[in-house]
Amino acid sequence: GINIKLMKCTGLAEARKMIDWARAE
């Protein structure tokens, strides 16, 4: 699993893409 933090990933737009990637994998 992955822990997504807005302060590391640059915000909500990128966080949503990371969620989609994790679900696909």
PDBML (XML) file of the C-alpha atoms, coordinates in Angstrom:
<?xml version="1.0" encoding="UTF-8" ?>
<PDBx:datablock datablockName="MODEL"
   xmlns:PDBx="http://pdbml.pdb.org/schema/pdbx-v50.xsd"
   xmlns:xsi="http://www.w3.org/2001/XMLSchema-instance"
   xsi:schemaLocation="http://pdbml.pdb.org/schema/pdbx-v50.xsd pdbx-v50.xsd">
   <PDBx:atom_siteCategory>
      <PDBx:atom_site id="1">
         <PDBx:B_iso_or_equiv>0.00</PDBx:B_iso_or_equiv>
         <PDBx:Cartn_x>0.000</PDBx:Cartn_x>
         <PDBx:Cartn_y>0.000</PDBx:Cartn_y>
         <PDBx:Cartn_z>0.000</PDBx:Cartn_z>
         <PDBx:auth_asym_id>A</PDBx:auth_asym_id>
         <PDBx:auth_atom_id>CA</PDBx:auth_atom_id>
         <PDBx:auth_comp_id>GLY</PDBx:auth_comp_id>
         <PDBx:auth_seq_id>1</PDBx:auth_seq_id>
         <PDBx:group_PDB>ATOM</PDBx:group_PDB>
         <PDBx:label_alt_id xsi:nil="true" />
         <PDBx:label_asym_id>A</PDBx:label_asym_id>
         <PDBx:label_atom_id>CA</PDBx:label_atom_id>
         <PDBx:label_comp_id>GLY</PDBx:label_comp_id>
         <PDBx:label_entity_id>1</PDBx:label_entity_id>
         <PDBx:label_seq_id>1</PDBx:label_seq_id>
         <PDBx:occupancy>1.00</PDBx:occupancy>
         <PDBx:pdbx_PDB_model_num>1</PDBx:pdbx_PDB_model_num>
         <PDBx:type_symbol>C</PDBx:type_symbol>
      </PDBx:atom_site>
      <PDBx:atom_site id="2">
         <PDBx:B_iso_or_equiv>0.00</PDBx:B_iso_or_equiv>
         <PDBx:Cartn_x>0.922</PDBx:Cartn_x>
         <PDBx:Cartn_y>3.666</PDBx:Cartn_y>
         <PDBx:Cartn_z>-0.246</PDBx:Cartn_z>
         <PDBx:auth_asym_id>A</PDBx:auth_asym_id>
         <PDBx:auth_atom_id>CA</PDBx:auth_atom_id>
         <PDBx:auth_comp_id>ILE</PDBx:auth_comp_id>
         <PDBx:auth_seq_id>2</PDBx:auth_seq_id>
         <PDBx:group_PDB>ATOM</PDBx:group_PDB>
         <PDBx:label_alt_id xsi:nil="true" />
         <PDBx:label_asym_id>A</PDBx:label_asym_id>
         <PDBx:label_atom_id>CA</PDBx:label_atom_id>
         <PDBx:label_comp_id>ILE</PDBx:label_comp_id>
         <PDBx:label_entity_id>1</PDBx:label_entity_id>
         <PDBx:label_seq_id>2</PDBx:label_seq_id>
         <PDBx:occupancy>1.00</PDBx:occupancy>
         <PDBx:pdbx_PDB_model_num>1</PDBx:pdbx_PDB_model_num>
         <PDBx:type_symbol>C</PDBx:type_symbol>
      </PDBx:atom_site>
      <PDBx:atom_site id="3">
         <PDBx:B_iso_or_equiv>0.00</PDBx:B_iso_or_equiv>
         <PDBx:Cartn_x>0.496</PDBx:Cartn_x>
         <PDBx:Cartn_y>6.574</PDBx:Cartn_y>
         <PDBx:Cartn_z>2.156</PDBx:Cartn_z>
         <PDBx:auth_asym_id>A</PDBx:auth_asym_id>
         <PDBx:auth_atom_id>CA</PDBx:auth_atom_id>
         <PDBx:auth_comp_id>ASN</PDBx:auth_comp_id>
         <PDBx:auth_seq_id>3</PDBx:auth_seq_id>
         <PDBx:group_PDB>ATOM</PDBx:group_PDB>
         <PDBx:label_alt_id xsi:nil="true" />
         <PDBx:label_asym_id>A</PDBx:label_asym_id>
         <PDBx:label_atom_id>CA</PDBx:label_atom_id>
         <PDBx:label_comp_id>ASN</PDBx:label_comp_id>
         <PDBx:label_entity_id>1</PDBx:label_entity_id>
         <PDBx:label_seq_id>3</PDBx:label_seq_id>
         <PDBx:occupancy>1.00</PDBx:occupancy>
         <PDBx:pdbx_PDB_model_num>1</PDBx:pdbx_PDB_model_num>
         <PDBx:type_symbol>C</PDBx:type_symbol>
      </PDBx:atom_site>
      <PDBx:atom_site id="4">
         <PDBx:B_iso_or_equiv>0.00</PDBx:B_iso_or_equiv>
         <PDBx:Cartn_x>-0.377</PDBx:Cartn_x>
         <PDBx:Cartn_y>9.712</PDBx:Cartn_y>
         <PDBx:Cartn_z>0.198</PDBx:Cartn_z>
         <PDBx:auth_asym_id>A</PDBx:auth_asym_id>
         <PDBx:auth_atom_id>CA</PDBx:auth_atom_id>
         <PDBx:auth_comp_id>ILE</PDBx:auth_comp_id>
         <PDBx:auth_seq_id>4</PDBx:auth_seq_id>
         <PDBx:group_PDB>ATOM</PDBx:group_PDB>
         <PDBx:label_alt_id xsi:nil="true" />
         <PDBx:label_asym_id>A</PDBx:label_asym_id>
         <PDBx:label_atom_id>CA</PDBx:label_atom_id>
         <PDBx:label_comp_id>ILE</PDBx:label_comp_id>
         <PDBx:label_entity_id>1</PDBx:label_entity_id>
         <PDBx:label_seq_id>4</PDBx:label_seq_id>
         <PDBx:occupancy>1.00</PDBx:occupancy>
         <PDBx:pdbx_PDB_model_num>1</PDBx:pdbx_PDB_model_num>
         <PDBx:type_symbol>C</PDBx:type_symbol>
      </PDBx:atom_site>
      <PDBx:atom_site id="5">
         <PDBx:B_iso_or_equiv>0.00</PDBx:B_iso_or_equiv>
         <PDBx:Cartn_x>0.364</PDBx:Cartn_x>
         <PDBx:Cartn_y>13.079</PDBx:Cartn_y>
         <PDBx:Cartn_z>1.796</PDBx:Cartn_z>
         <PDBx:auth_asym_id>A</PDBx:auth_asym_id>
         <PDBx:auth_atom_id>CA</PDBx:auth_atom_id>
         <PDBx:auth_comp_id>LYS</PDBx:auth_comp_id>
         <PDBx:auth_seq_id>5</PDBx:auth_seq_id>
         <PDBx:group_PDB>ATOM</PDBx:group_PDB>
         <PDBx:label_alt_id xsi:nil="true" />
         <PDBx:label_asym_id>A</PDBx:label_asym_id>
         <PDBx:label_atom_id>CA</PDBx:label_atom_id>
         <PDBx:label_comp_id>LYS</PDBx:label_comp_id>
         <PDBx:label_entity_id>1</PDBx:label_entity_id>
         <PDBx:label_seq_id>5</PDBx:label_seq_id>
         <PDBx:occupancy>1.00</PDBx:occupancy>
         <PDBx:pdbx_PDB_model_num>1</PDBx:pdbx_PDB_model_num>
         <PDBx:type_symbol>C</PDBx:type_symbol>
      </PDBx:atom_site>
      <PDBx:atom_site id="6">
         <PDBx:B_iso_or_equiv>0.00</PDBx:B_iso_or_equiv>
         <PDBx:Cartn_x>-0.533</PDBx:Cartn_x>
         <PDBx:Cartn_y>16.334</PDBx:Cartn_y>
         <PDBx:Cartn_z>0.064</PDBx:Cartn_z>
         <PDBx:auth_asym_id>A</PDBx:auth_asym_id>
         <PDBx:auth_atom_id>CA</PDBx:auth_atom_id>
         <PDBx:auth_comp_id>LEU</PDBx:auth_comp_id>
         <PDBx:auth_seq_id>6</PDBx:auth_seq_id>
         <PDBx:group_PDB>ATOM</PDBx:group_PDB>
         <PDBx:label_alt_id xsi:nil="true" />
         <PDBx:label_asym_id>A</PDBx:label_asym_id>
         <PDBx:label_atom_id>CA</PDBx:label_atom_id>
         <PDBx:label_comp_id>LEU</PDBx:label_comp_id>
         <PDBx:label_entity_id>1</PDBx:label_entity_id>
         <PDBx:label_seq_id>6</PDBx:label_seq_id>
         <PDBx:occupancy>1.00</PDBx:occupancy>
         <PDBx:pdbx_PDB_model_num>1</PDBx:pdbx_PDB_model_num>
         <PDBx:type_symbol>C</PDBx:type_symbol>
      </PDBx:atom_site>
      <PDBx:atom_site id="7">
         <PDBx:B_iso_or_equiv>0.00</PDBx:B_iso_or_equiv>
         <PDBx:Cartn_x>2.626</PDBx:Cartn_x>
         <PDBx:Cartn_y>18.084</PDBx:Cartn_y>
         <PDBx:Cartn_z>1.265</PDBx:Cartn_z>
         <PDBx:auth_asym_id>A</PDBx:auth_asym_id>
         <PDBx:auth_atom_id>CA</PDBx:auth_atom_id>
         <PDBx:auth_comp_id>MET</PDBx:auth_comp_id>
         <PDBx:auth_seq_id>7</PDBx:auth_seq_id>
         <PDBx:group_PDB>ATOM</PDBx:group_PDB>
         <PDBx:label_alt_id xsi:nil="true" />
         <PDBx:label_asym_id>A</PDBx:label_asym_id>
         <PDBx:label_atom_id>CA</PDBx:label_atom_id>
         <PDBx:label_comp_id>MET</PDBx:label_comp_id>
         <PDBx:label_entity_id>1</PDBx:label_entity_id>
         <PDBx:label_seq_id>7</PDBx:label_seq_id>
         <PDBx:occupancy>1.00</PDBx:occupancy>
         <PDBx:pdbx_PDB_model_num>1</PDBx:pdbx_PDB_model_num>
         <PDBx:type_symbol>C</PDBx:type_symbol>
      </PDBx:atom_site>
      <PDBx:atom_site id="8">
         <PDBx:B_iso_or_equiv>0.00</PDBx:B_iso_or_equiv>
         <PDBx:Cartn_x>4.753</PDBx:Cartn_x>
         <PDBx:Cartn_y>15.462</PDBx:Cartn_y>
         <PDBx:Cartn_z>-0.493</PDBx:Cartn_z>
         <PDBx:auth_asym_id>A</PDBx:auth_asym_id>
         <PDBx:auth_atom_id>CA</PDBx:auth_atom_id>
         <PDBx:auth_comp_id>LYS</PDBx:auth_comp_id>
         <PDBx:auth_seq_id>8</PDBx:auth_seq_id>
         <PDBx:group_PDB>ATOM</PDBx:group_PDB>
         <PDBx:label_alt_id xsi:nil="true" />
         <PDBx:label_asym_id>A</PDBx:label_asym_id>
         <PDBx:label_atom_id>CA</PDBx:label_atom_id>
         <PDBx:label_comp_id>LYS</PDBx:label_comp_id>
         <PDBx:label_entity_id>1</PDBx:label_entity_id>
         <PDBx:label_seq_id>8</PDBx:label_seq_id>
         <PDBx:occupancy>1.00</PDBx:occupancy>
         <PDBx:pdbx_PDB_model_num>1</PDBx:pdbx_PDB_model_num>
         <PDBx:type_symbol>C</PDBx:type_symbol>
      </PDBx:atom_site>
      <PDBx:atom_site id="9">
         <PDBx:B_iso_or_equiv>0.00</PDBx:B_iso_or_equiv>
         <PDBx:Cartn_x>2.778</PDBx:Cartn_x>
         <PDBx:Cartn_y>14.901</PDBx:Cartn_y>
         <PDBx:Cartn_z>-3.701</PDBx:Cartn_z>
         <PDBx:auth_asym_id>A</PDBx:auth_asym_id>
         <PDBx:auth_atom_id>CA</PDBx:auth_atom_id>
         <PDBx:auth_comp_id>CYS</PDBx:auth_comp_id>
         <PDBx:auth_seq_id>9</PDBx:auth_seq_id>
         <PDBx:group_PDB>ATOM</PDBx:group_PDB>
         <PDBx:label_alt_id xsi:nil="true" />
         <PDBx:label_asym_id>A</PDBx:label_asym_id>
         <PDBx:label_atom_id>CA</PDBx:label_atom_id>
         <PDBx:label_comp_id>CYS</PDBx:label_comp_id>
         <PDBx:label_entity_id>1</PDBx:label_entity_id>
         <PDBx:label_seq_id>9</PDBx:label_seq_id>
         <PDBx:occupancy>1.00</PDBx:occupancy>
         <PDBx:pdbx_PDB_model_num>1</PDBx:pdbx_PDB_model_num>
         <PDBx:type_symbol>C</PDBx:type_symbol>
      </PDBx:atom_site>
      <PDBx:atom_site id="10">
         <PDBx:B_iso_or_equiv>0.00</PDBx:B_iso_or_equiv>
         <PDBx:Cartn_x>2.007</PDBx:Cartn_x>
         <PDBx:Cartn_y>18.595</PDBx:Cartn_y>
         <PDBx:Cartn_z>-4.563</PDBx:Cartn_z>
         <PDBx:auth_asym_id>A</PDBx:auth_asym_id>
         <PDBx:auth_atom_id>CA</PDBx:auth_atom_id>
         <PDBx:auth_comp_id>THR</PDBx:auth_comp_id>
         <PDBx:auth_seq_id>10</PDBx:auth_seq_id>
         <PDBx:group_PDB>ATOM</PDBx:group_PDB>
         <PDBx:label_alt_id xsi:nil="true" />
         <PDBx:label_asym_id>A</PDBx:label_asym_id>
         <PDBx:label_atom_id>CA</PDBx:label_atom_id>
         <PDBx:label_comp_id>THR</PDBx:label_comp_id>
         <PDBx:label_entity_id>1</PDBx:label_entity_id>
         <PDBx:label_seq_id>10</PDBx:label_seq_id>
         <PDBx:occupancy>1.00</PDBx:occupancy>
         <PDBx:pdbx_PDB_model_num>1</PDBx:pdbx_PDB_model_num>
         <PDBx:type_symbol>C</PDBx:type_symbol>
      </PDBx:atom_site>
      <PDBx:atom_site id="11">
         <PDBx:B_iso_or_equiv>0.00</PDBx:B_iso_or_equiv>
         <PDBx:Cartn_x>-1.694</PDBx:Cartn_x>
         <PDBx:Cartn_y>18.493</PDBx:Cartn_y>
         <PDBx:Cartn_z>-3.755</PDBx:Cartn_z>
         <PDBx:auth_asym_id>A</PDBx:auth_asym_id>
         <PDBx:auth_atom_id>CA</PDBx:auth_atom_id>
         <PDBx:auth_comp_id>GLY</PDBx:auth_comp_id>
         <PDBx:auth_seq_id>11</PDBx:auth_seq_id>
         <PDBx:group_PDB>ATOM</PDBx:group_PDB>
         <PDBx:label_alt_id xsi:nil="true" />
         <PDBx:label_asym_id>A</PDBx:label_asym_id>
         <PDBx:label_atom_id>CA</PDBx:label_atom_id>
         <PDBx:label_comp_id>GLY</PDBx:label_comp_id>
         <PDBx:label_entity_id>1</PDBx:label_entity_id>
         <PDBx:label_seq_id>11</PDBx:label_seq_id>
         <PDBx:occupancy>1.00</PDBx:occupancy>
         <PDBx:pdbx_PDB_model_num>1</PDBx:pdbx_PDB_model_num>
         <PDBx:type_symbol>C</PDBx:type_symbol>
      </PDBx:atom_site>
      <PDBx:atom_site id="12">
         <PDBx:B_iso_or_equiv>0.00</PDBx:B_iso_or_equiv>
         <PDBx:Cartn_x>-5.122</PDBx:Cartn_x>
         <PDBx:Cartn_y>17.122</PDBx:Cartn_y>
         <PDBx:Cartn_z>-4.505</PDBx:Cartn_z>
         <PDBx:auth_asym_id>A</PDBx:auth_asym_id>
         <PDBx:auth_atom_id>CA</PDBx:auth_atom_id>
         <PDBx:auth_comp_id>LEU</PDBx:auth_comp_id>
         <PDBx:auth_seq_id>12</PDBx:auth_seq_id>
         <PDBx:group_PDB>ATOM</PDBx:group_PDB>
         <PDBx:label_alt_id xsi:nil="true" />
         <PDBx:label_asym_id>A</PDBx:label_asym_id>
         <PDBx:label_atom_id>CA</PDBx:label_atom_id>
         <PDBx:label_comp_id>LEU</PDBx:label_comp_id>
         <PDBx:label_entity_id>1</PDBx:label_entity_id>
         <PDBx:label_seq_id>12</PDBx:label_seq_id>
         <PDBx:occupancy>1.00</PDBx:occupancy>
         <PDBx:pdbx_PDB_model_num>1</PDBx:pdbx_PDB_model_num>
         <PDBx:type_symbol>C</PDBx:type_symbol>
      </PDBx:atom_site>
      <PDBx:atom_site id="13">
         <PDBx:B_iso_or_equiv>0.00</PDBx:B_iso_or_equiv>
         <PDBx:Cartn_x>-4.832</PDBx:Cartn_x>
         <PDBx:Cartn_y>16.780</PDBx:Cartn_y>
         <PDBx:Cartn_z>-8.276</PDBx:Cartn_z>
         <PDBx:auth_asym_id>A</PDBx:auth_asym_id>
         <PDBx:auth_atom_id>CA</PDBx:auth_atom_id>
         <PDBx:auth_comp_id>ALA</PDBx:auth_comp_id>
         <PDBx:auth_seq_id>13</PDBx:auth_seq_id>
         <PDBx:group_PDB>ATOM</PDBx:group_PDB>
         <PDBx:label_alt_id xsi:nil="true" />
         <PDBx:label_asym_id>A</PDBx:label_asym_id>
         <PDBx:label_atom_id>CA</PDBx:label_atom_id>
         <PDBx:label_comp_id>ALA</PDBx:label_comp_id>
         <PDBx:label_entity_id>1</PDBx:label_entity_id>
         <PDBx:label_seq_id>13</PDBx:label_seq_id>
         <PDBx:occupancy>1.00</PDBx:occupancy>
         <PDBx:pdbx_PDB_model_num>1</PDBx:pdbx_PDB_model_num>
         <PDBx:type_symbol>C</PDBx:type_symbol>
      </PDBx:atom_site>
      <PDBx:atom_site id="14">
         <PDBx:B_iso_or_equiv>0.00</PDBx:B_iso_or_equiv>
         <PDBx:Cartn_x>-1.772</PDBx:Cartn_x>
         <PDBx:Cartn_y>14.535</PDBx:Cartn_y>
         <PDBx:Cartn_z>-8.052</PDBx:Cartn_z>
         <PDBx:auth_asym_id>A</PDBx:auth_asym_id>
         <PDBx:auth_atom_id>CA</PDBx:auth_atom_id>
         <PDBx:auth_comp_id>GLU</PDBx:auth_comp_id>
         <PDBx:auth_seq_id>14</PDBx:auth_seq_id>
         <PDBx:group_PDB>ATOM</PDBx:group_PDB>
         <PDBx:label_alt_id xsi:nil="true" />
         <PDBx:label_asym_id>A</PDBx:label_asym_id>
         <PDBx:label_atom_id>CA</PDBx:label_atom_id>
         <PDBx:label_comp_id>GLU</PDBx:label_comp_id>
         <PDBx:label_entity_id>1</PDBx:label_entity_id>
         <PDBx:label_seq_id>14</PDBx:label_seq_id>
         <PDBx:occupancy>1.00</PDBx:occupancy>
         <PDBx:pdbx_PDB_model_num>1</PDBx:pdbx_PDB_model_num>
         <PDBx:type_symbol>C</PDBx:type_symbol>
      </PDBx:atom_site>
      <PDBx:atom_site id="15">
         <PDBx:B_iso_or_equiv>0.00</PDBx:B_iso_or_equiv>
         <PDBx:Cartn_x>-3.160</PDBx:Cartn_x>
         <PDBx:Cartn_y>12.665</PDBx:Cartn_y>
         <PDBx:Cartn_z>-5.031</PDBx:Cartn_z>
         <PDBx:auth_asym_id>A</PDBx:auth_asym_id>
         <PDBx:auth_atom_id>CA</PDBx:auth_atom_id>
         <PDBx:auth_comp_id>ALA</PDBx:auth_comp_id>
         <PDBx:auth_seq_id>15</PDBx:auth_seq_id>
         <PDBx:group_PDB>ATOM</PDBx:group_PDB>
         <PDBx:label_alt_id xsi:nil="true" />
         <PDBx:label_asym_id>A</PDBx:label_asym_id>
         <PDBx:label_atom_id>CA</PDBx:label_atom_id>
         <PDBx:label_comp_id>ALA</PDBx:label_comp_id>
         <PDBx:label_entity_id>1</PDBx:label_entity_id>
         <PDBx:label_seq_id>15</PDBx:label_seq_id>
         <PDBx:occupancy>1.00</PDBx:occupancy>
         <PDBx:pdbx_PDB_model_num>1</PDBx:pdbx_PDB_model_num>
         <PDBx:type_symbol>C</PDBx:type_symbol>
      </PDBx:atom_site>
      <PDBx:atom_site id="16">
         <PDBx:B_iso_or_equiv>0.00</PDBx:B_iso_or_equiv>
         <PDBx:Cartn_x>-6.214</PDBx:Cartn_x>
         <PDBx:Cartn_y>11.618</PDBx:Cartn_y>
         <PDBx:Cartn_z>-7.059</PDBx:Cartn_z>
         <PDBx:auth_asym_id>A</PDBx:auth_asym_id>
         <PDBx:auth_atom_id>CA</PDBx:auth_atom_id>
         <PDBx:auth_comp_id>ARG</PDBx:auth_comp_id>
         <PDBx:auth_seq_id>16</PDBx:auth_seq_id>
         <PDBx:group_PDB>ATOM</PDBx:group_PDB>
         <PDBx:label_alt_id xsi:nil="true" />
         <PDBx:label_asym_id>A</PDBx:label_asym_id>
         <PDBx:label_atom_id>CA</PDBx:label_atom_id>
         <PDBx:label_comp_id>ARG</PDBx:label_comp_id>
         <PDBx:label_entity_id>1</PDBx:label_entity_id>
         <PDBx:label_seq_id>16</PDBx:label_seq_id>
         <PDBx:occupancy>1.00</PDBx:occupancy>
         <PDBx:pdbx_PDB_model_num>1</PDBx:pdbx_PDB_model_num>
         <PDBx:type_symbol>C</PDBx:type_symbol>
      </PDBx:atom_site>
      <PDBx:atom_site id="17">
         <PDBx:B_iso_or_equiv>0.00</PDBx:B_iso_or_equiv>
         <PDBx:Cartn_x>-3.951</PDBx:Cartn_x>
         <PDBx:Cartn_y>10.288</PDBx:Cartn_y>
         <PDBx:Cartn_z>-9.814</PDBx:Cartn_z>
         <PDBx:auth_asym_id>A</PDBx:auth_asym_id>
         <PDBx:auth_atom_id>CA</PDBx:auth_atom_id>
         <PDBx:auth_comp_id>LYS</PDBx:auth_comp_id>
         <PDBx:auth_seq_id>17</PDBx:auth_seq_id>
         <PDBx:group_PDB>ATOM</PDBx:group_PDB>
         <PDBx:label_alt_id xsi:nil="true" />
         <PDBx:label_asym_id>A</PDBx:label_asym_id>
         <PDBx:label_atom_id>CA</PDBx:label_atom_id>
         <PDBx:label_comp_id>LYS</PDBx:label_comp_id>
         <PDBx:label_entity_id>1</PDBx:label_entity_id>
         <PDBx:label_seq_id>17</PDBx:label_seq_id>
         <PDBx:occupancy>1.00</PDBx:occupancy>
         <PDBx:pdbx_PDB_model_num>1</PDBx:pdbx_PDB_model_num>
         <PDBx:type_symbol>C</PDBx:type_symbol>
      </PDBx:atom_site>
      <PDBx:atom_site id="18">
         <PDBx:B_iso_or_equiv>0.00</PDBx:B_iso_or_equiv>
         <PDBx:Cartn_x>-1.955</PDBx:Cartn_x>
         <PDBx:Cartn_y>8.323</PDBx:Cartn_y>
         <PDBx:Cartn_z>-7.232</PDBx:Cartn_z>
         <PDBx:auth_asym_id>A</PDBx:auth_asym_id>
         <PDBx:auth_atom_id>CA</PDBx:auth_atom_id>
         <PDBx:auth_comp_id>MET</PDBx:auth_comp_id>
         <PDBx:auth_seq_id>18</PDBx:auth_seq_id>
         <PDBx:group_PDB>ATOM</PDBx:group_PDB>
         <PDBx:label_alt_id xsi:nil="true" />
         <PDBx:label_asym_id>A</PDBx:label_asym_id>
         <PDBx:label_atom_id>CA</PDBx:label_atom_id>
         <PDBx:label_comp_id>MET</PDBx:label_comp_id>
         <PDBx:label_entity_id>1</PDBx:label_entity_id>
         <PDBx:label_seq_id>18</PDBx:label_seq_id>
         <PDBx:occupancy>1.00</PDBx:occupancy>
         <PDBx:pdbx_PDB_model_num>1</PDBx:pdbx_PDB_model_num>
         <PDBx:type_symbol>C</PDBx:type_symbol>
      </PDBx:atom_site>
      <PDBx:atom_site id="19">
         <PDBx:B_iso_or_equiv>0.00</PDBx:B_iso_or_equiv>
         <PDBx:Cartn_x>-5.142</PDBx:Cartn_x>
         <PDBx:Cartn_y>6.793</PDBx:Cartn_y>
         <PDBx:Cartn_z>-5.852</PDBx:Cartn_z>
         <PDBx:auth_asym_id>A</PDBx:auth_asym_id>
         <PDBx:auth_atom_id>CA</PDBx:auth_atom_id>
         <PDBx:auth_comp_id>ILE</PDBx:auth_comp_id>
         <PDBx:auth_seq_id>19</PDBx:auth_seq_id>
         <PDBx:group_PDB>ATOM</PDBx:group_PDB>
         <PDBx:label_alt_id xsi:nil="true" />
         <PDBx:label_asym_id>A</PDBx:label_asym_id>
         <PDBx:label_atom_id>CA</PDBx:label_atom_id>
         <PDBx:label_comp_id>ILE</PDBx:label_comp_id>
         <PDBx:label_entity_id>1</PDBx:label_entity_id>
         <PDBx:label_seq_id>19</PDBx:label_seq_id>
         <PDBx:occupancy>1.00</PDBx:occupancy>
         <PDBx:pdbx_PDB_model_num>1</PDBx:pdbx_PDB_model_num>
         <PDBx:type_symbol>C</PDBx:type_symbol>
      </PDBx:atom_site>
      <PDBx:atom_site id="20">
         <PDBx:B_iso_or_equiv>0.00</PDBx:B_iso_or_equiv>
         <PDBx:Cartn_x>-6.161</PDBx:Cartn_x>
         <PDBx:Cartn_y>5.696</PDBx:Cartn_y>
         <PDBx:Cartn_z>-9.343</PDBx:Cartn_z>
         <PDBx:auth_asym_id>A</PDBx:auth_asym_id>
         <PDBx:auth_atom_id>CA</PDBx:auth_atom_id>
         <PDBx:auth_comp_id>ASP</PDBx:auth_comp_id>
         <PDBx:auth_seq_id>20</PDBx:auth_seq_id>
         <PDBx:group_PDB>ATOM</PDBx:group_PDB>
         <PDBx:label_alt_id xsi:nil="true" />
         <PDBx:label_asym_id>A</PDBx:label_asym_id>
         <PDBx:label_atom_id>CA</PDBx:label_atom_id>
         <PDBx:label_comp_id>ASP</PDBx:label_comp_id>
         <PDBx:label_entity_id>1</PDBx:label_entity_id>
         <PDBx:label_seq_id>20</PDBx:label_seq_id>
         <PDBx:occupancy>1.00</PDBx:occupancy>
         <PDBx:pdbx_PDB_model_num>1</PDBx:pdbx_PDB_model_num>
         <PDBx:type_symbol>C</PDBx:type_symbol>
      </PDBx:atom_site>
      <PDBx:atom_site id="21">
         <PDBx:B_iso_or_equiv>0.00</PDBx:B_iso_or_equiv>
         <PDBx:Cartn_x>-2.711</PDBx:Cartn_x>
         <PDBx:Cartn_y>4.158</PDBx:Cartn_y>
         <PDBx:Cartn_z>-9.974</PDBx:Cartn_z>
         <PDBx:auth_asym_id>A</PDBx:auth_asym_id>
         <PDBx:auth_atom_id>CA</PDBx:auth_atom_id>
         <PDBx:auth_comp_id>TRP</PDBx:auth_comp_id>
         <PDBx:auth_seq_id>21</PDBx:auth_seq_id>
         <PDBx:group_PDB>ATOM</PDBx:group_PDB>
         <PDBx:label_alt_id xsi:nil="true" />
         <PDBx:label_asym_id>A</PDBx:label_asym_id>
         <PDBx:label_atom_id>CA</PDBx:label_atom_id>
         <PDBx:label_comp_id>TRP</PDBx:label_comp_id>
         <PDBx:label_entity_id>1</PDBx:label_entity_id>
         <PDBx:label_seq_id>21</PDBx:label_seq_id>
         <PDBx:occupancy>1.00</PDBx:occupancy>
         <PDBx:pdbx_PDB_model_num>1</PDBx:pdbx_PDB_model_num>
         <PDBx:type_symbol>C</PDBx:type_symbol>
      </PDBx:atom_site>
      <PDBx:atom_site id="22">
         <PDBx:B_iso_or_equiv>0.00</PDBx:B_iso_or_equiv>
         <PDBx:Cartn_x>-2.761</PDBx:Cartn_x>
         <PDBx:Cartn_y>2.254</PDBx:Cartn_y>
         <PDBx:Cartn_z>-6.681</PDBx:Cartn_z>
         <PDBx:auth_asym_id>A</PDBx:auth_asym_id>
         <PDBx:auth_atom_id>CA</PDBx:auth_atom_id>
         <PDBx:auth_comp_id>ALA</PDBx:auth_comp_id>
         <PDBx:auth_seq_id>22</PDBx:auth_seq_id>
         <PDBx:group_PDB>ATOM</PDBx:group_PDB>
         <PDBx:label_alt_id xsi:nil="true" />
         <PDBx:label_asym_id>A</PDBx:label_asym_id>
         <PDBx:label_atom_id>CA</PDBx:label_atom_id>
         <PDBx:label_comp_id>ALA</PDBx:label_comp_id>
         <PDBx:label_entity_id>1</PDBx:label_entity_id>
         <PDBx:label_seq_id>22</PDBx:label_seq_id>
         <PDBx:occupancy>1.00</PDBx:occupancy>
         <PDBx:pdbx_PDB_model_num>1</PDBx:pdbx_PDB_model_num>
         <PDBx:type_symbol>C</PDBx:type_symbol>
      </PDBx:atom_site>
      <PDBx:atom_site id="23">
         <PDBx:B_iso_or_equiv>0.00</PDBx:B_iso_or_equiv>
         <PDBx:Cartn_x>-6.217</PDBx:Cartn_x>
         <PDBx:Cartn_y>0.857</PDBx:Cartn_y>
         <PDBx:Cartn_z>-7.385</PDBx:Cartn_z>
         <PDBx:auth_asym_id>A</PDBx:auth_asym_id>
         <PDBx:auth_atom_id>CA</PDBx:auth_atom_id>
         <PDBx:auth_comp_id>ARG</PDBx:auth_comp_id>
         <PDBx:auth_seq_id>23</PDBx:auth_seq_id>
         <PDBx:group_PDB>ATOM</PDBx:group_PDB>
         <PDBx:label_alt_id xsi:nil="true" />
         <PDBx:label_asym_id>A</PDBx:label_asym_id>
         <PDBx:label_atom_id>CA</PDBx:label_atom_id>
         <PDBx:label_comp_id>ARG</PDBx:label_comp_id>
         <PDBx:label_entity_id>1</PDBx:label_entity_id>
         <PDBx:label_seq_id>23</PDBx:label_seq_id>
         <PDBx:occupancy>1.00</PDBx:occupancy>
         <PDBx:pdbx_PDB_model_num>1</PDBx:pdbx_PDB_model_num>
         <PDBx:type_symbol>C</PDBx:type_symbol>
      </PDBx:atom_site>
      <PDBx:atom_site id="24">
         <PDBx:B_iso_or_equiv>0.00</PDBx:B_iso_or_equiv>
         <PDBx:Cartn_x>-5.147</PDBx:Cartn_x>
         <PDBx:Cartn_y>-0.235</PDBx:Cartn_y>
         <PDBx:Cartn_z>-10.875</PDBx:Cartn_z>
         <PDBx:auth_asym_id>A</PDBx:auth_asym_id>
         <PDBx:auth_atom_id>CA</PDBx:auth_atom_id>
         <PDBx:auth_comp_id>ALA</PDBx:auth_comp_id>
         <PDBx:auth_seq_id>24</PDBx:auth_seq_id>
         <PDBx:group_PDB>ATOM</PDBx:group_PDB>
         <PDBx:label_alt_id xsi:nil="true" />
         <PDBx:label_asym_id>A</PDBx:label_asym_id>
         <PDBx:label_atom_id>CA</PDBx:label_atom_id>
         <PDBx:label_comp_id>ALA</PDBx:label_comp_id>
         <PDBx:label_entity_id>1</PDBx:label_entity_id>
         <PDBx:label_seq_id>24</PDBx:label_seq_id>
         <PDBx:occupancy>1.00</PDBx:occupancy>
         <PDBx:pdbx_PDB_model_num>1</PDBx:pdbx_PDB_model_num>
         <PDBx:type_symbol>C</PDBx:type_symbol>
      </PDBx:atom_site>
      <PDBx:atom_site id="25">
         <PDBx:B_iso_or_equiv>0.00</PDBx:B_iso_or_equiv>
         <PDBx:Cartn_x>-2.229</PDBx:Cartn_x>
         <PDBx:Cartn_y>-2.131</PDBx:Cartn_y>
         <PDBx:Cartn_z>-9.286</PDBx:Cartn_z>
         <PDBx:auth_asym_id>A</PDBx:auth_asym_id>
         <PDBx:auth_atom_id>CA</PDBx:auth_atom_id>
         <PDBx:auth_comp_id>GLU</PDBx:auth_comp_id>
         <PDBx:auth_seq_id>25</PDBx:auth_seq_id>
         <PDBx:group_PDB>ATOM</PDBx:group_PDB>
         <PDBx:label_alt_id xsi:nil="true" />
         <PDBx:label_asym_id>A</PDBx:label_asym_id>
         <PDBx:label_atom_id>CA</PDBx:label_atom_id>
         <PDBx:label_comp_id>GLU</PDBx:label_comp_id>
         <PDBx:label_entity_id>1</PDBx:label_entity_id>
         <PDBx:label_seq_id>25</PDBx:label_seq_id>
         <PDBx:occupancy>1.00</PDBx:occupancy>
         <PDBx:pdbx_PDB_model_num>1</PDBx:pdbx_PDB_model_num>
         <PDBx:type_symbol>C</PDBx:type_symbol>
      </PDBx:atom_site>
   </PDBx:atom_siteCategory>
</PDBx:datablock>
